[in-house]
């Protein structure tokens, strides 16, 4: 599940956001550093010398230069670069925290699902003995070995087990929905605990 979460849409969106922040930082750094540039051209021209004559010529031009940021001191440029770097590091930390949070949420949802499935399994096993226990308690009450209130108290544990089974079903559904959302995939190996137990 963690591998599926690592390749999920949410993780890819985080990676894309970090890539965009990195490119933006690189562009901002490049705008404050010296840049070498060059240009060249070839032109053909016709010039009128007098009303009866023209002169044709070709012209080649070239230009090479170095651009330096001059509007601002060196200290301001260094401070701007440091601010860009700090902003990028902060964004990287935020993305890493978001990645870890997704993995943590997958683990918690899986643990919740596992717990709900085990609770449902135990509740079902306990409820299998309800008919037998009801007969035994009735016989003991009839024989005077057990008070009616004690019998009711013991039988109420089956109601608690039914309630636990229902709650486990709801917990499992919530955990499955969370897992499906986090890994952005259907999870055929996992089923609700209301039916047969999955996993």
C-alpha atoms as a PDB file:
ATOM      1  CA  UNK A   1       0.000   0.000   0.000  1.00  0.00           C
ATOM      2  CA  UNK A   2       2.832   2.389   0.781  1.00  0.00           C
ATOM      3  CA  UNK A   3       4.294   1.821  -2.692  1.00  0.00           C
ATOM      4  CA  UNK A   4       0.907   2.577  -4.229  1.00  0.00           C
ATOM      5  CA  UNK A   5       0.668   5.716  -2.083  1.00  0.00           C
ATOM      6  CA  UNK A   6       4.144   6.798  -3.209  1.00  0.00           C
ATOM      7  CA  UNK A   7       3.004   6.620  -6.841  1.00  0.00           C
ATOM      8  CA  UNK A   8      -0.431   8.112  -6.207  1.00  0.00           C
ATOM      9  CA  UNK A   9      -1.787  11.281  -7.756  1.00  0.00           C
ATOM     10  CA  UNK A  10      -1.233  13.206  -4.513  1.00  0.00           C
ATOM     11  CA  UNK A  11       2.472  12.285  -4.466  1.00  0.00           C
ATOM     12  CA  UNK A  12       2.877  13.141  -8.138  1.00  0.00           C
ATOM     13  CA  UNK A  13       1.243  16.516  -7.503  1.00  0.00           C
ATOM     14  CA  UNK A  14       3.704  17.163  -4.671  1.00  0.00           C
ATOM     15  CA  UNK A  15       6.614  16.204  -6.924  1.00  0.00           C
ATOM     16  CA  UNK A  16       5.333  18.510  -9.674  1.00  0.00           C
ATOM     17  CA  UNK A  17       4.945  21.404  -7.219  1.00  0.00           C
ATOM     18  CA  UNK A  18       8.506  20.893  -5.984  1.00  0.00           C
ATOM     19  CA  UNK A  19       9.826  20.708  -9.551  1.00  0.00           C
ATOM     20  CA  UNK A  20       8.053  23.962 -10.397  1.00  0.00           C
ATOM     21  CA  UNK A  21       9.454  25.656  -7.283  1.00  0.00           C
ATOM     22  CA  UNK A  22      12.951  24.426  -8.195  1.00  0.00           C
ATOM     23  CA  UNK A  23      12.698  25.769 -11.749  1.00  0.00           C
ATOM     24  CA  UNK A  24      11.344  29.094 -10.481  1.00  0.00           C
ATOM     25  CA  UNK A  25      14.279  29.361  -8.063  1.00  0.00           C
ATOM     26  CA  UNK A  26      16.751  28.571 -10.840  1.00  0.00           C
ATOM     27  CA  UNK A  27      15.187  31.261 -13.044  1.00  0.00           C
ATOM     28  CA  UNK A  28      15.329  33.816 -10.236  1.00  0.00           C
ATOM     29  CA  UNK A  29      18.982  32.991  -9.561  1.00  0.00           C
ATOM     30  CA  UNK A  30      19.812  33.256 -13.252  1.00  0.00           C
ATOM     31  CA  UNK A  31      18.302  36.738 -13.441  1.00  0.00           C
ATOM     32  CA  UNK A  32      20.808  38.004 -10.872  1.00  0.00           C
ATOM     33  CA  UNK A  33      23.960  36.453 -12.329  1.00  0.00           C
ATOM     34  CA  UNK A  34      26.173  37.678 -15.176  1.00  0.00           C
ATOM     35  CA  UNK A  35      25.069  36.414 -18.590  1.00  0.00           C
ATOM     36  CA  UNK A  36      26.991  36.165 -21.815  1.00  0.00           C
ATOM     37  CA  UNK A  37      24.996  36.897 -24.945  1.00  0.00           C
ATOM     38  CA  UNK A  38      25.640  37.085 -28.638  1.00  0.00           C
ATOM     39  CA  UNK A  39      23.785  38.078 -31.793  1.00  0.00           C
ATOM     40  CA  UNK A  40      24.523  38.103 -35.469  1.00  0.00           C
ATOM     41  CA  UNK A  41      22.832  39.122 -38.669  1.00  0.00           C
ATOM     42  CA  UNK A  42      23.153  39.377 -42.429  1.00  0.00           C
ATOM     43  CA  UNK A  43      21.349  42.081 -44.409  1.00  0.00           C
ATOM     44  CA  UNK A  44      21.121  43.013 -48.068  1.00  0.00           C
ATOM     45  CA  UNK A  45      20.363  46.576 -49.025  1.00  0.00           C
ATOM     46  CA  UNK A  46      19.758  48.807 -52.023  1.00  0.00           C
ATOM     47  CA  UNK A  47      20.649  52.482 -51.847  1.00  0.00           C
ATOM     48  CA  UNK A  48      19.620  55.181 -54.300  1.00  0.00           C
ATOM     49  CA  UNK A  49      22.742  57.136 -55.325  1.00  0.00           C
ATOM     50  CA  UNK A  50      21.003  59.424 -57.878  1.00  0.00           C
ATOM     51  CA  UNK A  51      17.800  59.102 -59.921  1.00  0.00           C
ATOM     52  CA  UNK A  52      19.438  56.809 -62.457  1.00  0.00           C
ATOM     53  CA  UNK A  53      21.737  54.710 -60.261  1.00  0.00           C
ATOM     54  CA  UNK A  54      21.388  52.432 -57.250  1.00  0.00           C
ATOM     55  CA  UNK A  55      23.944  50.665 -55.220  1.00  0.00           C
ATOM     56  CA  UNK A  56      23.433  47.138 -53.807  1.00  0.00           C
ATOM     57  CA  UNK A  57      25.396  45.902 -50.806  1.00  0.00           C
ATOM     58  CA  UNK A  58      25.432  43.202 -48.137  1.00  0.00           C
ATOM     59  CA  UNK A  59      26.061  43.885 -44.473  1.00  0.00           C
ATOM     60  CA  UNK A  60      27.152  41.436 -41.781  1.00  0.00           C
ATOM     61  CA  UNK A  61      26.665  42.427 -38.155  1.00  0.00           C
ATOM     62  CA  UNK A  62      27.647  40.689 -34.964  1.00  0.00           C
ATOM     63  CA  UNK A  63      27.479  41.516 -31.309  1.00  0.00           C
ATOM     64  CA  UNK A  64      28.882  39.765 -28.259  1.00  0.00           C
ATOM     65  CA  UNK A  65      28.539  41.007 -24.734  1.00  0.00           C
ATOM     66  CA  UNK A  66      28.281  40.356 -21.044  1.00  0.00           C
ATOM     67  CA  UNK A  67      25.219  41.429 -19.066  1.00  0.00           C
ATOM     68  CA  UNK A  68      25.711  42.273 -15.439  1.00  0.00           C
ATOM     69  CA  UNK A  69      22.985  43.311 -13.050  1.00  0.00           C
ATOM     70  CA  UNK A  70      23.802  46.907 -12.238  1.00  0.00           C
ATOM     71  CA  UNK A  71      20.627  48.051 -10.513  1.00  0.00           C
ATOM     72  CA  UNK A  72      21.512  47.055  -6.988  1.00  0.00           C
ATOM     73  CA  UNK A  73      24.510  46.298  -4.932  1.00  0.00           C
ATOM     74  CA  UNK A  74      26.283  42.984  -4.709  1.00  0.00           C
ATOM     75  CA  UNK A  75      24.959  42.536  -1.174  1.00  0.00           C
ATOM     76  CA  UNK A  76      21.361  42.888  -2.378  1.00  0.00           C
ATOM     77  CA  UNK A  77      21.939  40.306  -5.106  1.00  0.00           C
ATOM     78  CA  UNK A  78      23.500  37.876  -2.619  1.00  0.00           C
ATOM     79  CA  UNK A  79      20.607  38.458  -0.178  1.00  0.00           C
ATOM     80  CA  UNK A  80      18.073  37.814  -2.935  1.00  0.00           C
ATOM     81  CA  UNK A  81      19.819  34.563  -3.882  1.00  0.00           C
ATOM     82  CA  UNK A  82      19.893  33.478  -0.240  1.00  0.00           C
ATOM     83  CA  UNK A  83      16.202  34.261   0.082  1.00  0.00           C
ATOM     84  CA  UNK A  84      15.443  32.195  -3.028  1.00  0.00           C
ATOM     85  CA  UNK A  85      17.506  29.315  -1.632  1.00  0.00           C
ATOM     86  CA  UNK A  86      15.783  29.531   1.757  1.00  0.00           C
ATOM     87  CA  UNK A  87      12.385  29.598   0.078  1.00  0.00           C
ATOM     88  CA  UNK A  88      13.280  26.522  -1.966  1.00  0.00           C
ATOM     89  CA  UNK A  89      14.551  24.658   1.110  1.00  0.00           C
ATOM     90  CA  UNK A  90      11.327  25.551   2.948  1.00  0.00           C
ATOM     91  CA  UNK A  91       9.254  24.260   0.026  1.00  0.00           C
ATOM     92  CA  UNK A  92      11.315  21.043  -0.078  1.00  0.00           C
ATOM     93  CA  UNK A  93      10.686  20.554   3.652  1.00  0.00           C
ATOM     94  CA  UNK A  94       6.948  21.182   3.201  1.00  0.00           C
ATOM     95  CA  UNK A  95       6.769  18.635   0.381  1.00  0.00           C
ATOM     96  CA  UNK A  96       8.704  16.069   2.427  1.00  0.00           C
ATOM     97  CA  UNK A  97       6.362  16.606   5.386  1.00  0.00           C
ATOM     98  CA  UNK A  98       3.341  16.188   3.104  1.00  0.00           C
ATOM     99  CA  UNK A  99       4.821  12.956   1.694  1.00  0.00           C
ATOM    100  CA  UNK A 100       5.431  11.603   5.174  1.00  0.00           C
ATOM    101  CA  UNK A 101       1.917  12.612   6.215  1.00  0.00           C
ATOM    102  CA  UNK A 102       0.421  10.641   3.324  1.00  0.00           C
ATOM    103  CA  UNK A 103       2.451   7.551   4.293  1.00  0.00           C
ATOM    104  CA  UNK A 104       1.493   8.026   7.968  1.00  0.00           C
ATOM    105  CA  UNK A 105      -2.175   8.278   7.028  1.00  0.00           C
ATOM    106  CA  UNK A 106      -1.879   5.079   4.954  1.00  0.00           C
ATOM    107  CA  UNK A 107      -0.359   3.291   7.936  1.00  0.00           C
ATOM    108  CA  UNK A 108      -3.024   4.587  10.343  1.00  0.00           C
ATOM    109  CA  UNK A 109      -5.853   3.660   7.964  1.00  0.00           C
ATOM    110  CA  UNK A 110      -4.374   0.195   7.494  1.00  0.00           C
ATOM    111  CA  UNK A 111      -4.056  -0.261  11.265  1.00  0.00           C
ATOM    112  CA  UNK A 112      -7.657   0.912  11.708  1.00  0.00           C
ATOM    113  CA  UNK A 113      -8.818  -1.544   9.050  1.00  0.00           C
ATOM    114  CA  UNK A 114      -6.856  -4.396  10.611  1.00  0.00           C
ATOM    115  CA  UNK A 115      -8.232  -3.572  14.068  1.00  0.00           C
ATOM    116  CA  UNK A 116     -11.802  -3.387  12.760  1.00  0.00           C
ATOM    117  CA  UNK A 117     -11.414  -6.724  10.989  1.00  0.00           C
ATOM    118  CA  UNK A 118     -10.039  -8.427  14.105  1.00  0.00           C
ATOM    119  CA  UNK A 119     -12.775  -6.897  16.279  1.00  0.00           C
ATOM    120  CA  UNK A 120     -15.412  -8.150  13.844  1.00  0.00           C
ATOM    121  CA  UNK A 121     -13.826 -11.595  13.780  1.00  0.00           C
ATOM    122  CA  UNK A 122     -13.828 -11.836  17.584  1.00  0.00           C
ATOM    123  CA  UNK A 123     -17.389 -10.477  17.835  1.00  0.00           C
ATOM    124  CA  UNK A 124     -18.646 -13.042  15.312  1.00  0.00           C
ATOM    125  CA  UNK A 125     -16.890 -15.861  17.161  1.00  0.00           C
ATOM    126  CA  UNK A 126     -18.395 -14.690  20.452  1.00  0.00           C
ATOM    127  CA  UNK A 127     -21.894 -14.436  18.939  1.00  0.00           C
ATOM    128  CA  UNK A 128     -21.675 -18.028  17.633  1.00  0.00           C
ATOM    129  CA  UNK A 129     -22.052 -19.214  21.238  1.00  0.00           C
ATOM    130  CA  UNK A 130     -25.094 -17.056  21.982  1.00  0.00           C
ATOM    131  CA  UNK A 131     -27.741 -19.790  21.543  1.00  0.00           C
ATOM    132  CA  UNK A 132     -25.801 -22.305  23.632  1.00  0.00           C
ATOM    133  CA  UNK A 133     -25.074 -19.763  26.347  1.00  0.00           C
ATOM    134  CA  UNK A 134     -28.700 -18.617  26.456  1.00  0.00           C
ATOM    135  CA  UNK A 135     -29.860 -22.247  27.047  1.00  0.00           C
ATOM    136  CA  UNK A 136     -27.207 -22.843  29.714  1.00  0.00           C
ATOM    137  CA  UNK A 137     -28.051 -19.633  31.553  1.00  0.00           C
ATOM    138  CA  UNK A 138     -31.786 -20.430  31.363  1.00  0.00           C
ATOM    139  CA  UNK A 139     -31.169 -23.881  32.865  1.00  0.00           C
ATOM    140  CA  UNK A 140     -29.017 -22.426  35.647  1.00  0.00           C
ATOM    141  CA  UNK A 141     -31.663 -19.788  36.402  1.00  0.00           C
ATOM    142  CA  UNK A 142     -34.396 -22.466  36.446  1.00  0.00           C
ATOM    143  CA  UNK A 143     -32.290 -24.602  38.814  1.00  0.00           C
ATOM    144  CA  UNK A 144     -31.884 -21.612  41.146  1.00  0.00           C
ATOM    145  CA  UNK A 145     -28.133 -21.405  40.611  1.00  0.00           C
ATOM    146  CA  UNK A 146     -28.303 -17.975  38.957  1.00  0.00           C
ATOM    147  CA  UNK A 147     -30.434 -14.905  39.594  1.00  0.00           C
ATOM    148  CA  UNK A 148     -32.501 -13.516  36.736  1.00  0.00           C
ATOM    149  CA  UNK A 149     -30.638 -10.186  36.909  1.00  0.00           C
ATOM    150  CA  UNK A 150     -27.305 -11.995  36.659  1.00  0.00           C
ATOM    151  CA  UNK A 151     -28.608 -13.914  33.635  1.00  0.00           C
ATOM    152  CA  UNK A 152     -29.664 -10.654  31.957  1.00  0.00           C
ATOM    153  CA  UNK A 153     -26.305  -9.107  32.729  1.00  0.00           C
ATOM    154  CA  UNK A 154     -24.477 -12.041  31.124  1.00  0.00           C
ATOM    155  CA  UNK A 155     -26.781 -12.020  28.091  1.00  0.00           C
ATOM    156  CA  UNK A 156     -26.203  -8.276  27.627  1.00  0.00           C
ATOM    157  CA  UNK A 157     -22.625  -9.075  26.629  1.00  0.00           C
ATOM    158  CA  UNK A 158     -24.018 -10.451  23.350  1.00  0.00           C
ATOM    159  CA  UNK A 159     -25.653  -7.087  22.665  1.00  0.00           C
ATOM    160  CA  UNK A 160     -22.291  -5.455  23.314  1.00  0.00           C
ATOM    161  CA  UNK A 161     -20.708  -7.880  20.817  1.00  0.00           C
ATOM    162  CA  UNK A 162     -23.371  -7.003  18.193  1.00  0.00           C
ATOM    163  CA  UNK A 163     -22.733  -3.307  18.782  1.00  0.00           C
ATOM    164  CA  UNK A 164     -18.977  -3.876  18.455  1.00  0.00           C
ATOM    165  CA  UNK A 165     -19.554  -5.765  15.203  1.00  0.00           C
ATOM    166  CA  UNK A 166     -21.595  -2.883  13.778  1.00  0.00           C
ATOM    167  CA  UNK A 167     -19.038  -0.291  14.886  1.00  0.00           C
ATOM    168  CA  UNK A 168     -16.221  -2.391  13.438  1.00  0.00           C
ATOM    169  CA  UNK A 169     -18.059  -2.420  10.107  1.00  0.00           C
ATOM    170  CA  UNK A 170     -18.305   1.373  10.112  1.00  0.00           C
ATOM    171  CA  UNK A 171     -14.654   1.735  11.141  1.00  0.00           C
ATOM    172  CA  UNK A 172     -13.564  -0.637   8.388  1.00  0.00           C
ATOM    173  CA  UNK A 173     -15.557   1.277   5.772  1.00  0.00           C
ATOM    174  CA  UNK A 174     -14.004   4.571   6.894  1.00  0.00           C
ATOM    175  CA  UNK A 175     -10.516   3.051   6.785  1.00  0.00           C
ATOM    176  CA  UNK A 176     -11.132   1.557   3.323  1.00  0.00           C
ATOM    177  CA  UNK A 177     -12.347   4.902   1.987  1.00  0.00           C
ATOM    178  CA  UNK A 178      -9.270   6.615   3.414  1.00  0.00           C
ATOM    179  CA  UNK A 179      -6.969   4.009   1.858  1.00  0.00           C
ATOM    180  CA  UNK A 180      -8.703   4.243  -1.510  1.00  0.00           C
ATOM    181  CA  UNK A 181      -8.371   8.018  -1.462  1.00  0.00           C
ATOM    182  CA  UNK A 182      -4.697   7.955  -0.439  1.00  0.00           C
ATOM    183  CA  UNK A 183      -3.563   5.349  -2.950  1.00  0.00           C
ATOM    184  CA  UNK A 184      -6.053   6.480  -5.624  1.00  0.00           C
ATOM    185  CA  UNK A 185      -6.892   2.909  -6.508  1.00  0.00           C
ATOM    186  CA  UNK A 186      -9.454   0.238  -5.872  1.00  0.00           C
ATOM    187  CA  UNK A 187      -8.339  -2.275  -3.279  1.00  0.00           C
ATOM    188  CA  UNK A 188      -9.781  -5.639  -4.335  1.00  0.00           C
ATOM    189  CA  UNK A 189      -7.832  -7.524  -1.654  1.00  0.00           C
ATOM    190  CA  UNK A 190      -9.686  -5.680   1.079  1.00  0.00           C
ATOM    191  CA  UNK A 191     -13.358  -6.144   1.854  1.00  0.00           C
ATOM    192  CA  UNK A 192     -15.680  -4.706   4.427  1.00  0.00           C
ATOM    193  CA  UNK A 193     -16.006  -6.594   7.707  1.00  0.00           C
ATOM    194  CA  UNK A 194     -19.774  -6.522   7.415  1.00  0.00           C
ATOM    195  CA  UNK A 195     -19.460  -9.396   4.899  1.00  0.00           C
ATOM    196  CA  UNK A 196     -16.569 -11.792   4.932  1.00  0.00           C
ATOM    197  CA  UNK A 197     -13.333 -10.604   6.408  1.00  0.00           C
ATOM    198  CA  UNK A 198     -10.780  -9.303   3.910  1.00  0.00           C
ATOM    199  CA  UNK A 199      -7.045  -8.869   3.802  1.00  0.00           C
END
